[in-house]
Protein backbone atom coordinates (compact mmCIF):
# COMPACT_ATOMS: atom_id res chain seq x y z
CA MET A 1 86.00 102.82 114.22
CA ALA A 2 87.69 104.23 117.30
CA SER A 3 85.99 101.63 119.46
CA LEU A 4 87.02 98.71 117.26
CA ALA A 5 89.99 97.70 119.39
CA ALA A 6 87.86 97.77 122.52
CA ILE A 7 85.17 95.66 120.86
CA LEU A 8 87.75 93.10 119.75
CA ALA A 9 89.32 92.91 123.17
CA LEU A 10 85.93 92.52 124.84
CA ALA A 11 84.60 89.95 122.40
CA LEU A 12 87.79 87.90 122.08
CA GLY A 13 89.61 88.49 125.33
CA GLY A 14 88.24 85.33 126.96
CA CYS A 15 89.68 83.14 124.21
CA GLY A 16 92.27 80.75 125.58
CA SER A 17 94.98 78.72 123.88
CA GLU A 18 94.00 75.40 125.42
CA ALA A 19 93.26 72.49 123.09
CA GLY A 20 89.58 72.32 122.24
CA ALA A 21 88.94 76.03 122.80
CA VAL A 22 85.67 77.21 121.32
CA ASP A 23 85.45 79.36 118.19
CA THR A 24 85.48 83.09 118.76
CA PRO A 25 82.17 84.97 118.53
CA THR A 26 81.48 86.76 115.27
CA VAL A 27 82.79 90.32 115.55
CA PHE A 28 81.98 91.49 112.03
CA PRO A 29 78.87 90.77 109.95
CA VAL A 30 78.76 87.38 108.29
CA SER A 31 79.35 87.82 104.56
CA ASP A 32 76.76 86.99 101.93
CA MET A 33 78.82 84.78 99.64
CA SER A 34 75.93 83.62 97.44
CA ALA A 35 77.33 85.62 94.50
CA TYR A 36 80.30 83.26 94.66
CA HIS A 37 77.97 80.23 94.78
CA VAL A 38 78.91 79.60 98.40
CA ASP A 39 75.49 79.15 99.94
CA THR A 40 76.36 76.78 102.78
CA GLU A 41 77.76 77.75 106.17
CA HIS A 42 81.13 79.47 105.81
CA ARG A 43 83.65 81.52 107.78
CA PHE A 44 83.74 84.81 105.84
CA GLN A 45 83.07 88.09 107.64
CA ASP A 46 82.68 91.53 106.03
CA VAL A 47 85.21 94.26 106.77
CA SER A 48 85.86 97.53 105.00
CA MET A 49 89.19 98.85 103.79
CA LEU A 50 89.10 101.26 106.73
CA ASP A 51 88.66 98.27 109.06
CA PHE A 52 91.63 96.60 107.41
CA LEU A 53 93.88 99.59 108.08
CA ASP A 54 92.66 99.82 111.65
CA LEU A 55 93.14 96.12 112.36
CA ILE A 56 96.67 95.79 110.97
CA SER A 57 97.75 98.68 113.18
CA GLU A 58 96.47 97.00 116.35
CA PRO A 59 99.28 95.39 118.43
CA GLY A 60 98.75 91.65 118.71
CA PHE A 61 96.21 91.43 115.90
CA GLU A 62 96.25 88.35 113.71
CA GLY A 63 93.89 87.49 110.88
CA VAL A 64 93.43 86.31 107.32
CA PHE A 65 91.98 88.68 104.72
CA TYR A 66 90.47 87.92 101.34
CA PHE A 67 90.36 90.77 98.81
CA GLY A 68 88.10 90.25 95.81
CA PHE A 69 84.74 90.88 94.16
CA PRO A 70 82.11 88.65 92.53
CA GLY A 71 82.62 90.07 89.03
CA CYS A 72 86.18 88.71 88.94
CA PRO A 73 86.26 85.26 87.26
CA TRP A 74 89.38 84.23 89.17
CA CYS A 75 87.66 85.18 92.43
CA GLN A 76 84.72 82.99 91.42
CA ALA A 77 87.14 80.09 91.00
CA ALA A 78 89.05 80.79 94.21
CA VAL A 79 86.38 81.59 96.79
CA PRO A 80 84.79 78.13 97.05
CA VAL A 81 88.28 76.70 97.61
CA ILE A 82 89.06 79.39 100.20
CA ALA A 83 85.78 78.52 101.93
CA GLU A 84 86.66 74.83 102.06
CA ALA A 85 90.17 75.48 103.35
CA ALA A 86 88.95 77.95 105.98
CA THR A 87 86.37 75.48 107.27
CA ALA A 88 88.90 72.65 107.33
CA SER A 89 91.44 74.87 109.12
CA GLY A 90 88.97 76.47 111.53
CA VAL A 91 89.96 79.96 110.44
CA ASP A 92 87.76 83.02 109.95
CA VAL A 93 88.40 84.99 106.75
CA LEU A 94 87.86 88.75 106.70
CA TYR A 95 86.39 89.72 103.33
CA VAL A 96 87.38 93.10 101.91
CA SER A 97 85.27 93.77 98.82
CA ARG A 98 87.06 95.36 95.87
CA ALA A 99 83.82 96.00 94.00
CA HIS A 100 83.92 99.78 94.47
CA VAL A 101 87.58 100.73 94.06
CA LEU A 102 86.70 103.87 92.10
CA ARG A 103 84.79 105.53 94.93
CA GLU A 104 86.08 108.89 96.07
CA GLY A 105 86.85 110.25 99.52
CA ASP A 106 87.86 108.22 102.57
CA TRP A 107 87.21 104.86 100.88
CA ALA A 108 89.54 105.63 97.96
CA ASP A 109 92.17 107.09 100.30
CA ALA A 110 92.03 103.94 102.41
CA ASP A 111 92.32 101.78 99.29
CA LEU A 112 95.51 103.55 98.26
CA ALA A 113 96.92 103.44 101.81
CA ALA A 114 96.24 99.69 102.01
CA ALA A 115 97.81 99.09 98.61
CA GLU A 116 100.92 101.06 99.59
CA TRP A 117 101.21 99.12 102.87
CA LEU A 118 100.88 95.77 101.09
CA ASP A 119 103.27 96.87 98.34
CA HIS A 120 105.88 97.63 101.00
CA GLN A 121 105.27 94.22 102.59
CA VAL A 122 105.06 91.89 99.60
CA GLY A 123 105.35 93.94 96.40
CA LEU A 124 102.25 94.54 94.28
CA GLU A 125 101.69 95.09 90.60
CA TRP A 126 101.24 98.76 89.70
CA LEU A 127 98.60 100.45 87.61
CA THR A 128 99.97 102.37 84.63
CA ASP A 129 98.84 105.38 82.64
CA ASP A 130 98.31 105.58 78.87
CA ASP A 131 102.08 105.83 78.38
CA ASP A 132 102.68 102.67 80.50
CA VAL A 133 104.19 104.75 83.29
CA PRO A 134 103.51 103.18 86.71
CA THR A 135 101.15 105.35 88.76
CA ARG A 136 100.29 103.44 91.95
CA PRO A 137 100.28 99.95 93.48
CA ASN A 138 97.04 98.02 93.13
CA ILE A 139 95.57 95.06 94.99
CA PHE A 140 94.84 92.68 92.14
CA VAL A 141 92.48 89.91 93.14
CA PRO A 142 91.84 87.27 94.35
CA PHE A 143 94.33 88.06 97.08
CA VAL A 144 94.51 86.13 100.37
CA VAL A 145 96.90 87.34 103.05
CA HIS A 146 97.72 86.22 106.60
CA ILE A 147 98.83 89.13 108.81
CA ARG A 148 100.25 88.93 112.32
CA ASP A 149 101.49 91.81 114.50
CA GLY A 150 101.57 94.27 111.62
CA ALA A 151 103.45 92.05 109.16
CA VAL A 152 102.51 89.67 106.37
CA VAL A 153 103.09 86.04 107.30
CA ASP A 154 102.03 84.51 103.98
CA PHE A 155 99.90 85.37 100.96
CA HIS A 156 98.63 84.11 97.61
CA ARG A 157 97.56 86.13 94.57
CA GLY A 158 95.38 84.80 91.77
CA THR A 159 94.66 81.12 91.35
CA PHE A 160 97.57 79.43 89.55
CA GLU A 161 100.06 80.41 86.87
CA GLY A 162 98.62 80.19 83.38
CA HIS A 163 94.96 80.29 84.49
CA ALA A 164 93.65 82.56 81.75
CA HIS A 165 90.71 83.02 79.43
CA VAL A 166 90.49 80.71 76.42
CA GLY A 167 88.47 81.02 73.22
CA GLU A 168 87.40 84.05 71.23
CA GLY A 169 84.38 86.35 71.26
CA ASP A 170 81.28 84.75 72.75
CA THR A 171 83.16 81.50 73.42
CA ARG A 172 85.77 83.21 75.60
CA HIS A 173 85.72 81.78 79.11
CA LEU A 174 87.87 80.96 82.12
CA PRO A 175 88.39 77.20 82.42
CA GLU A 176 87.12 75.56 85.59
CA LEU A 177 89.70 74.18 87.98
CA THR A 178 90.64 70.58 87.40
CA ALA A 179 90.58 68.23 90.38
CA GLY A 180 94.36 68.51 90.63
CA GLN A 181 94.33 72.30 90.43
CA HIS A 182 91.60 72.43 93.08
CA ALA A 183 93.66 70.20 95.37
CA ASP A 184 96.82 72.28 94.84
CA LEU A 185 94.99 75.55 95.52
CA PHE A 186 93.28 74.06 98.59
CA ALA A 187 96.69 73.00 99.94
CA ARG A 188 98.10 76.47 99.27
CA TYR A 189 95.32 78.14 101.25
CA GLN A 190 95.70 75.63 104.08
CA THR A 191 99.38 76.58 104.25
CA ILE A 192 98.42 80.24 104.56
CA PHE A 193 95.93 79.42 107.30
CA SER A 194 98.34 77.21 109.23
CA GLY A 195 99.44 78.67 112.51
CA VAL A 196 96.65 81.25 112.69
CA GLY A 197 95.58 81.62 116.30
CA ASP A 198 98.66 79.98 117.83
CA GLY A 199 98.75 81.39 121.33
CA CYS A 200 95.34 82.97 120.77
CA SER A 201 96.19 86.60 121.44
CA ALA A 202 93.37 88.91 122.51
CA GLN A 203 93.00 90.33 119.01
CA ALA A 204 93.25 87.02 117.10
CA MET A 205 90.26 86.42 114.86
CA THR A 206 90.17 82.70 115.55
CA CYS A 207 90.92 80.31 118.35
CA SER A 208 89.88 76.98 116.88
């Protein structure tokens, strides 16, 4: 991880701000988004929570992160829309999986540190104990956040207000997005992506 800043500077340092500049090379592994039913070409790249903490501390860094996991129904609804908006906007999305939040050691420590940083920036919901006493901030998903120079520019949590399970027992399900809801969510993500890469700093994750 110590060499991450050097790798970014080397891989992205030739990126200019001129109109028509080429996309940046992939720095992180391309994500397998098939569990979200996104099988076509997309702009997601895998990063860990440790990567996230390292990147947001780098001067000049700018990027968009998606926090989520395939077992989350709201993530299933959101990710195809994120993918469409990212492609339309020419923005790479750094995917931080929340599938293993109960791991111990460095990963769990990084998860808490990231949640505390984001809570300070935008305010997060907190987990509670059996007596409903708040214990710690938590990154509820899907969560998309645009970060520039160590600060949150814009973010969106969930899908839309009121998007909840319907039915009972075996019939319980999360309704699919309507065409209007899809369009509204797409526009919201495009707003988050707008302005990413302006000036194309050495650490920016996109220069489209």
